[in-house]
Amino acid sequence: MNPIFHALFQKSRFLTNCLNEVLKQHNLYSSQWTILYCLQKHGAMTLTQIWKYLNVEAPSVTRAISRLEDLGWVQRVDGEDKREKIVTLSAMAVEQLPEITATILAFEAEMVGSLTVEEQEQFMNLLQKMKG
């Protein structure tokens, strides 16, 4: 195995676990946050658009959306085609997102705090050069 991939997989798991700990105060998991962020960034989306954007299997997104809906974070409405569901942020989510975003920004700053701005830019450039 290429050590780059092992390091990326390990760091990814570490970051996900740390983010889950940080998000506990908001009663969210990282997988739920990615959906909320996606909706905040792009506005209302269909389930298909969400799973394609996040590159996650459709059943996983459907379960996560159902859980977020039960918790009051999102709403589903029928699209033009009754089979199509459009997902939007709830009023509660819109109200609480600034506080959650502040938590996320603090987490991100802590995680990359040992990297200079130049190193962060170099890292992003290297990631973008990889296939995928």
N, C-alpha and C. Protein backbone atom coordinates (compact mmCIF):
# COMPACT_ATOMS: atom_id res chain seq x y z
N MET A 1 0.85 -1.19 0.00
CA MET A 1 0.00 0.00 0.00
C MET A 1 0.89 1.24 0.00
N ASN A 2 0.52 2.19 -0.81
CA ASN A 2 1.24 3.46 -0.86
C ASN A 2 1.06 4.17 0.48
N PRO A 3 2.14 4.56 1.15
CA PRO A 3 2.01 5.18 2.47
C PRO A 3 1.20 6.48 2.46
N ILE A 4 1.11 7.13 1.32
CA ILE A 4 0.29 8.36 1.23
C ILE A 4 -1.17 8.03 1.52
N PHE A 5 -1.65 6.93 0.93
CA PHE A 5 -3.05 6.57 1.12
C PHE A 5 -3.33 6.15 2.56
N HIS A 6 -2.42 5.39 3.12
CA HIS A 6 -2.59 5.00 4.52
C HIS A 6 -2.66 6.24 5.41
N ALA A 7 -1.75 7.18 5.19
CA ALA A 7 -1.74 8.41 5.99
C ALA A 7 -3.02 9.21 5.78
N LEU A 8 -3.48 9.30 4.54
CA LEU A 8 -4.73 10.03 4.26
C LEU A 8 -5.92 9.37 4.94
N PHE A 9 -6.01 8.03 4.85
CA PHE A 9 -7.12 7.32 5.48
C PHE A 9 -7.09 7.50 6.99
N GLN A 10 -5.91 7.38 7.58
CA GLN A 10 -5.77 7.53 9.03
C GLN A 10 -6.14 8.95 9.47
N LYS A 11 -5.63 9.94 8.75
CA LYS A 11 -5.92 11.33 9.10
C LYS A 11 -7.41 11.63 8.92
N SER A 12 -8.00 11.08 7.88
CA SER A 12 -9.42 11.29 7.64
C SER A 12 -10.26 10.73 8.80
N ARG A 13 -9.93 9.52 9.24
CA ARG A 13 -10.66 8.93 10.37
C ARG A 13 -10.45 9.76 11.64
N PHE A 14 -9.22 10.20 11.86
CA PHE A 14 -8.92 11.02 13.03
C PHE A 14 -9.74 12.32 13.01
N LEU A 15 -9.74 13.00 11.87
CA LEU A 15 -10.48 14.26 11.75
C LEU A 15 -11.98 14.05 11.94
N THR A 16 -12.51 12.98 11.37
CA THR A 16 -13.94 12.68 11.51
C THR A 16 -14.28 12.44 12.98
N ASN A 17 -13.47 11.64 13.66
CA ASN A 17 -13.72 11.37 15.08
C ASN A 17 -13.63 12.64 15.92
N CYS A 18 -12.64 13.47 15.65
CA CYS A 18 -12.51 14.74 16.39
C CYS A 18 -13.69 15.66 16.11
N LEU A 19 -14.08 15.74 14.85
CA LEU A 19 -15.22 16.60 14.50
C LEU A 19 -16.50 16.10 15.15
N ASN A 20 -16.69 14.79 15.20
CA ASN A 20 -17.86 14.25 15.88
C ASN A 20 -17.88 14.67 17.35
N GLU A 21 -16.73 14.66 17.99
CA GLU A 21 -16.65 15.11 19.40
C GLU A 21 -17.04 16.57 19.52
N VAL A 22 -16.53 17.40 18.63
CA VAL A 22 -16.81 18.83 18.65
C VAL A 22 -18.29 19.11 18.39
N LEU A 23 -18.88 18.34 17.48
CA LEU A 23 -20.29 18.57 17.10
C LEU A 23 -21.29 18.02 18.11
N LYS A 24 -20.82 17.24 19.08
CA LYS A 24 -21.73 16.71 20.10
C LYS A 24 -22.50 17.82 20.79
N GLN A 25 -21.86 18.96 20.99
CA GLN A 25 -22.52 20.08 21.67
C GLN A 25 -23.72 20.61 20.87
N HIS A 26 -23.76 20.30 19.59
CA HIS A 26 -24.88 20.71 18.74
C HIS A 26 -25.79 19.53 18.40
N ASN A 27 -25.53 18.38 19.03
CA ASN A 27 -26.30 17.16 18.78
C ASN A 27 -26.27 16.75 17.31
N LEU A 28 -25.08 16.84 16.72
CA LEU A 28 -24.89 16.47 15.32
C LEU A 28 -23.68 15.57 15.17
N TYR A 29 -23.65 14.86 14.06
CA TYR A 29 -22.48 14.09 13.64
C TYR A 29 -21.91 14.73 12.38
N SER A 30 -20.68 14.42 12.08
CA SER A 30 -20.03 15.02 10.91
C SER A 30 -20.79 14.72 9.62
N SER A 31 -21.33 13.52 9.50
CA SER A 31 -22.09 13.17 8.29
C SER A 31 -23.34 14.03 8.15
N GLN A 32 -23.95 14.38 9.27
CA GLN A 32 -25.12 15.26 9.24
C GLN A 32 -24.71 16.69 8.92
N TRP A 33 -23.58 17.10 9.50
CA TRP A 33 -23.08 18.45 9.25
C TRP A 33 -22.79 18.64 7.76
N THR A 34 -22.22 17.63 7.10
CA THR A 34 -21.89 17.81 5.69
C THR A 34 -23.15 18.06 4.86
N ILE A 35 -24.25 17.45 5.24
CA ILE A 35 -25.50 17.68 4.53
C ILE A 35 -26.03 19.09 4.82
N LEU A 36 -25.99 19.50 6.07
CA LEU A 36 -26.44 20.86 6.42
C LEU A 36 -25.59 21.90 5.70
N TYR A 37 -24.29 21.68 5.69
CA TYR A 37 -23.39 22.61 5.00
C TYR A 37 -23.70 22.67 3.51
N CYS A 38 -23.92 21.51 2.93
CA CYS A 38 -24.26 21.41 1.51
C CYS A 38 -25.51 22.23 1.20
N LEU A 39 -26.53 22.08 2.02
CA LEU A 39 -27.79 22.83 1.82
C LEU A 39 -27.59 24.32 2.08
N GLN A 40 -26.76 24.64 3.05
CA GLN A 40 -26.48 26.06 3.34
C GLN A 40 -25.77 26.70 2.14
N LYS A 41 -24.85 25.98 1.57
CA LYS A 41 -24.05 26.50 0.47
C LYS A 41 -24.82 26.57 -0.84
N HIS A 42 -25.63 25.53 -1.13
CA HIS A 42 -26.28 25.42 -2.44
C HIS A 42 -27.78 25.70 -2.43
N GLY A 43 -28.37 25.82 -1.26
CA GLY A 43 -29.81 26.01 -1.21
C GLY A 43 -30.54 24.68 -1.32
N ALA A 44 -31.82 24.73 -1.58
CA ALA A 44 -32.64 23.52 -1.68
C ALA A 44 -32.08 22.59 -2.75
N MET A 45 -32.07 21.29 -2.40
CA MET A 45 -31.53 20.29 -3.32
C MET A 45 -32.39 19.03 -3.25
N THR A 46 -32.36 18.27 -4.33
CA THR A 46 -33.02 16.97 -4.30
C THR A 46 -32.09 15.98 -3.60
N LEU A 47 -32.66 14.85 -3.18
CA LEU A 47 -31.84 13.80 -2.57
C LEU A 47 -30.74 13.35 -3.52
N THR A 48 -31.07 13.23 -4.79
CA THR A 48 -30.10 12.80 -5.79
C THR A 48 -28.96 13.81 -5.90
N GLN A 49 -29.27 15.08 -5.92
CA GLN A 49 -28.23 16.10 -5.99
C GLN A 49 -27.31 16.04 -4.77
N ILE A 50 -27.89 15.78 -3.61
CA ILE A 50 -27.09 15.71 -2.38
C ILE A 50 -26.14 14.53 -2.43
N TRP A 51 -26.64 13.34 -2.75
CA TRP A 51 -25.73 12.18 -2.71
C TRP A 51 -24.70 12.25 -3.81
N LYS A 52 -25.03 12.83 -4.94
CA LYS A 52 -24.03 12.99 -6.01
C LYS A 52 -22.98 14.01 -5.60
N TYR A 53 -23.40 15.11 -5.02
CA TYR A 53 -22.46 16.15 -4.58
C TYR A 53 -21.52 15.62 -3.51
N LEU A 54 -22.06 14.89 -2.54
CA LEU A 54 -21.25 14.38 -1.42
C LEU A 54 -20.51 13.08 -1.77
N ASN A 55 -20.85 12.50 -2.94
CA ASN A 55 -20.23 11.24 -3.36
C ASN A 55 -20.45 10.14 -2.32
N VAL A 56 -21.71 10.03 -1.88
CA VAL A 56 -22.12 9.06 -0.88
C VAL A 56 -23.27 8.25 -1.46
N GLU A 57 -23.42 7.01 -1.01
CA GLU A 57 -24.50 6.16 -1.51
C GLU A 57 -25.86 6.75 -1.16
N ALA A 58 -26.80 6.58 -2.07
CA ALA A 58 -28.14 7.12 -1.89
C ALA A 58 -28.82 6.68 -0.60
N PRO A 59 -28.79 5.37 -0.22
CA PRO A 59 -29.45 4.97 1.01
C PRO A 59 -28.88 5.66 2.26
N SER A 60 -27.58 5.91 2.26
CA SER A 60 -26.96 6.60 3.40
C SER A 60 -27.49 8.02 3.53
N VAL A 61 -27.61 8.70 2.40
CA VAL A 61 -28.12 10.08 2.42
C VAL A 61 -29.59 10.08 2.83
N THR A 62 -30.37 9.15 2.31
CA THR A 62 -31.79 9.08 2.66
C THR A 62 -31.97 8.88 4.17
N ARG A 63 -31.18 7.98 4.76
CA ARG A 63 -31.27 7.75 6.21
C ARG A 63 -30.86 9.00 6.98
N ALA A 64 -29.78 9.64 6.55
CA ALA A 64 -29.31 10.84 7.25
C ALA A 64 -30.33 11.96 7.15
N ILE A 65 -30.93 12.12 5.98
CA ILE A 65 -31.96 13.16 5.80
C ILE A 65 -33.16 12.86 6.69
N SER A 66 -33.57 11.59 6.75
CA SER A 66 -34.70 11.22 7.62
C SER A 66 -34.40 11.57 9.07
N ARG A 67 -33.19 11.28 9.51
CA ARG A 67 -32.80 11.59 10.89
C ARG A 67 -32.77 13.11 11.11
N LEU A 68 -32.21 13.84 10.17
CA LEU A 68 -32.17 15.31 10.28
C LEU A 68 -33.58 15.90 10.29
N GLU A 69 -34.48 15.29 9.53
CA GLU A 69 -35.87 15.74 9.49
C GLU A 69 -36.54 15.47 10.84
N ASP A 70 -36.30 14.29 11.41
CA ASP A 70 -36.86 13.95 12.72
C ASP A 70 -36.36 14.90 13.81
N LEU A 71 -35.12 15.33 13.67
CA LEU A 71 -34.51 16.24 14.66
C LEU A 71 -34.86 17.71 14.40
N GLY A 72 -35.54 17.98 13.29
CA GLY A 72 -35.98 19.35 13.02
C GLY A 72 -35.00 20.21 12.24
N TRP A 73 -33.94 19.61 11.68
CA TRP A 73 -32.92 20.37 10.96
C TRP A 73 -33.29 20.66 9.50
N VAL A 74 -34.03 19.74 8.88
CA VAL A 74 -34.39 19.90 7.47
C VAL A 74 -35.86 19.59 7.27
N GLN A 75 -36.34 19.99 6.09
CA GLN A 75 -37.71 19.68 5.68
C GLN A 75 -37.64 19.10 4.28
N ARG A 76 -38.54 18.15 4.01
CA ARG A 76 -38.65 17.58 2.66
C ARG A 76 -39.99 18.00 2.10
N VAL A 77 -39.95 18.44 0.86
CA VAL A 77 -41.19 18.80 0.17
C VAL A 77 -41.20 18.09 -1.18
N ASP A 78 -42.39 17.88 -1.71
CA ASP A 78 -42.50 17.24 -3.02
C ASP A 78 -41.98 18.18 -4.09
N GLY A 79 -41.28 17.59 -5.07
CA GLY A 79 -40.85 18.35 -6.24
C GLY A 79 -41.96 18.36 -7.27
N GLU A 80 -41.63 18.77 -8.48
CA GLU A 80 -42.62 18.77 -9.56
C GLU A 80 -43.11 17.36 -9.82
N ASP A 81 -42.18 16.42 -9.76
CA ASP A 81 -42.51 15.00 -9.88
C ASP A 81 -42.73 14.52 -8.44
N LYS A 82 -43.88 13.95 -8.15
CA LYS A 82 -44.21 13.54 -6.77
C LYS A 82 -43.18 12.59 -6.17
N ARG A 83 -42.46 11.86 -7.03
CA ARG A 83 -41.44 10.94 -6.52
C ARG A 83 -40.18 11.67 -6.08
N GLU A 84 -40.02 12.89 -6.57
CA GLU A 84 -38.83 13.68 -6.25
C GLU A 84 -39.05 14.47 -4.96
N LYS A 85 -38.11 14.36 -4.06
CA LYS A 85 -38.18 15.10 -2.80
C LYS A 85 -37.11 16.18 -2.79
N ILE A 86 -37.52 17.38 -2.42
CA ILE A 86 -36.58 18.49 -2.31
C ILE A 86 -36.34 18.76 -0.83
N VAL A 87 -35.08 18.88 -0.48
CA VAL A 87 -34.68 19.06 0.91
C VAL A 87 -34.24 20.51 1.11
N THR A 88 -34.77 21.11 2.18
CA THR A 88 -34.39 22.48 2.54
C THR A 88 -34.04 22.53 4.02
N LEU A 89 -33.29 23.55 4.39
CA LEU A 89 -33.00 23.77 5.80
C LEU A 89 -34.25 24.26 6.50
N SER A 90 -34.44 23.84 7.73
CA SER A 90 -35.57 24.33 8.52
C SER A 90 -35.23 25.70 9.10
N ALA A 91 -36.23 26.36 9.64
CA ALA A 91 -35.99 27.66 10.30
C ALA A 91 -35.03 27.48 11.47
N MET A 92 -35.16 26.37 12.21
CA MET A 92 -34.26 26.10 13.33
C MET A 92 -32.82 25.99 12.84
N ALA A 93 -32.61 25.30 11.72
CA ALA A 93 -31.26 25.14 11.18
C ALA A 93 -30.67 26.48 10.78
N VAL A 94 -31.45 27.28 10.09
CA VAL A 94 -30.99 28.60 9.65
C VAL A 94 -30.58 29.44 10.86
N GLU A 95 -31.37 29.35 11.93
CA GLU A 95 -31.09 30.10 13.15
C GLU A 95 -29.81 29.61 13.83
N GLN A 96 -29.59 28.30 13.85
CA GLN A 96 -28.46 27.73 14.60
C GLN A 96 -27.18 27.58 13.78
N LEU A 97 -27.26 27.68 12.47
CA LEU A 97 -26.08 27.48 11.64
C LEU A 97 -24.93 28.45 11.93
N PRO A 98 -25.18 29.72 12.22
CA PRO A 98 -24.04 30.59 12.53
C PRO A 98 -23.22 30.11 13.74
N GLU A 99 -23.88 29.63 14.76
CA GLU A 99 -23.17 29.12 15.94
C GLU A 99 -22.40 27.83 15.59
N ILE A 100 -23.02 26.96 14.82
CA ILE A 100 -22.36 25.71 14.42
C ILE A 100 -21.17 26.03 13.52
N THR A 101 -21.35 26.97 12.61
CA THR A 101 -20.27 27.37 11.72
C THR A 101 -19.09 27.91 12.52
N ALA A 102 -19.36 28.68 13.55
CA ALA A 102 -18.28 29.20 14.40
C ALA A 102 -17.53 28.04 15.07
N THR A 103 -18.26 27.04 15.51
CA THR A 103 -17.64 25.85 16.10
C THR A 103 -16.76 25.15 15.08
N ILE A 104 -17.24 25.00 13.87
CA ILE A 104 -16.50 24.33 12.80
C ILE A 104 -15.24 25.13 12.45
N LEU A 105 -15.36 26.44 12.35
CA LEU A 105 -14.21 27.27 12.01
C LEU A 105 -13.13 27.18 13.08
N ALA A 106 -13.53 27.14 14.34
CA ALA A 106 -12.56 26.99 15.43
C ALA A 106 -11.87 25.63 15.35
N PHE A 107 -12.64 24.59 15.06
CA PHE A 107 -12.09 23.25 14.90
C PHE A 107 -11.07 23.22 13.76
N GLU A 108 -11.45 23.78 12.62
CA GLU A 108 -10.56 23.79 11.47
C GLU A 108 -9.28 24.56 11.76
N ALA A 109 -9.41 25.69 12.42
CA ALA A 109 -8.23 26.49 12.75
C ALA A 109 -7.28 25.71 13.66
N GLU A 110 -7.85 24.98 14.59
CA GLU A 110 -7.04 24.16 15.50
C GLU A 110 -6.34 23.04 14.73
N MET A 111 -7.03 22.42 13.80
CA MET A 111 -6.47 21.28 13.07
C MET A 111 -5.34 21.69 12.12
N VAL A 112 -5.43 22.86 11.54
CA VAL A 112 -4.39 23.31 10.60
C VAL A 112 -3.46 24.36 11.22
N GLY A 113 -3.61 24.58 12.52
CA GLY A 113 -2.84 25.62 13.20
C GLY A 113 -1.34 25.46 13.10
N SER A 114 -0.85 24.25 12.93
CA SER A 114 0.59 24.04 12.85
C SER A 114 1.13 24.24 11.43
N LEU A 115 0.24 24.49 10.47
CA LEU A 115 0.65 24.72 9.09
C LEU A 115 0.64 26.21 8.78
N THR A 116 1.64 26.67 8.06
CA THR A 116 1.65 28.05 7.61
C THR A 116 0.61 28.20 6.50
N VAL A 117 0.28 29.41 6.16
CA VAL A 117 -0.65 29.67 5.06
C VAL A 117 -0.09 29.08 3.77
N GLU A 118 1.21 29.23 3.57
CA GLU A 118 1.85 28.68 2.37
C GLU A 118 1.75 27.15 2.34
N GLU A 119 1.96 26.50 3.48
CA GLU A 119 1.84 25.05 3.55
C GLU A 119 0.41 24.59 3.28
N GLN A 120 -0.55 25.34 3.79
CA GLN A 120 -1.95 25.00 3.52
C GLN A 120 -2.26 25.11 2.03
N GLU A 121 -1.77 26.16 1.39
CA GLU A 121 -1.97 26.33 -0.05
C GLU A 121 -1.29 25.22 -0.82
N GLN A 122 -0.07 24.85 -0.43
CA GLN A 122 0.66 23.77 -1.08
C GLN A 122 -0.09 22.45 -0.92
N PHE A 123 -0.60 22.19 0.27
CA PHE A 123 -1.35 20.97 0.52
C PHE A 123 -2.59 20.91 -0.37
N MET A 124 -3.32 22.00 -0.48
CA MET A 124 -4.51 22.04 -1.34
C MET A 124 -4.12 21.80 -2.80
N ASN A 125 -3.02 22.40 -3.23
CA ASN A 125 -2.56 22.20 -4.61
C ASN A 125 -2.22 20.73 -4.86
N LEU A 126 -1.57 20.09 -3.90
CA LEU A 126 -1.21 18.68 -4.05
C LEU A 126 -2.46 17.81 -4.10
N LEU A 127 -3.43 18.10 -3.23
CA LEU A 127 -4.67 17.32 -3.25
C LEU A 127 -5.38 17.47 -4.60
N GLN A 128 -5.38 18.67 -5.13
CA GLN A 128 -6.06 18.92 -6.41
C GLN A 128 -5.35 18.23 -7.57
N LYS A 129 -4.06 17.98 -7.43
CA LYS A 129 -3.32 17.30 -8.48
C LYS A 129 -3.63 15.80 -8.52
N MET A 130 -4.11 15.26 -7.40
CA MET A 130 -4.45 13.85 -7.36
C MET A 130 -5.69 13.59 -8.20
N LYS A 131 -5.76 12.42 -8.75
CA LYS A 131 -6.93 12.04 -9.55
C LYS A 131 -8.15 11.93 -8.64
N GLY A 132 -9.33 12.31 -9.16
CA GLY A 132 -10.56 12.14 -8.40
C GLY A 132 -11.15 13.36 -8.03
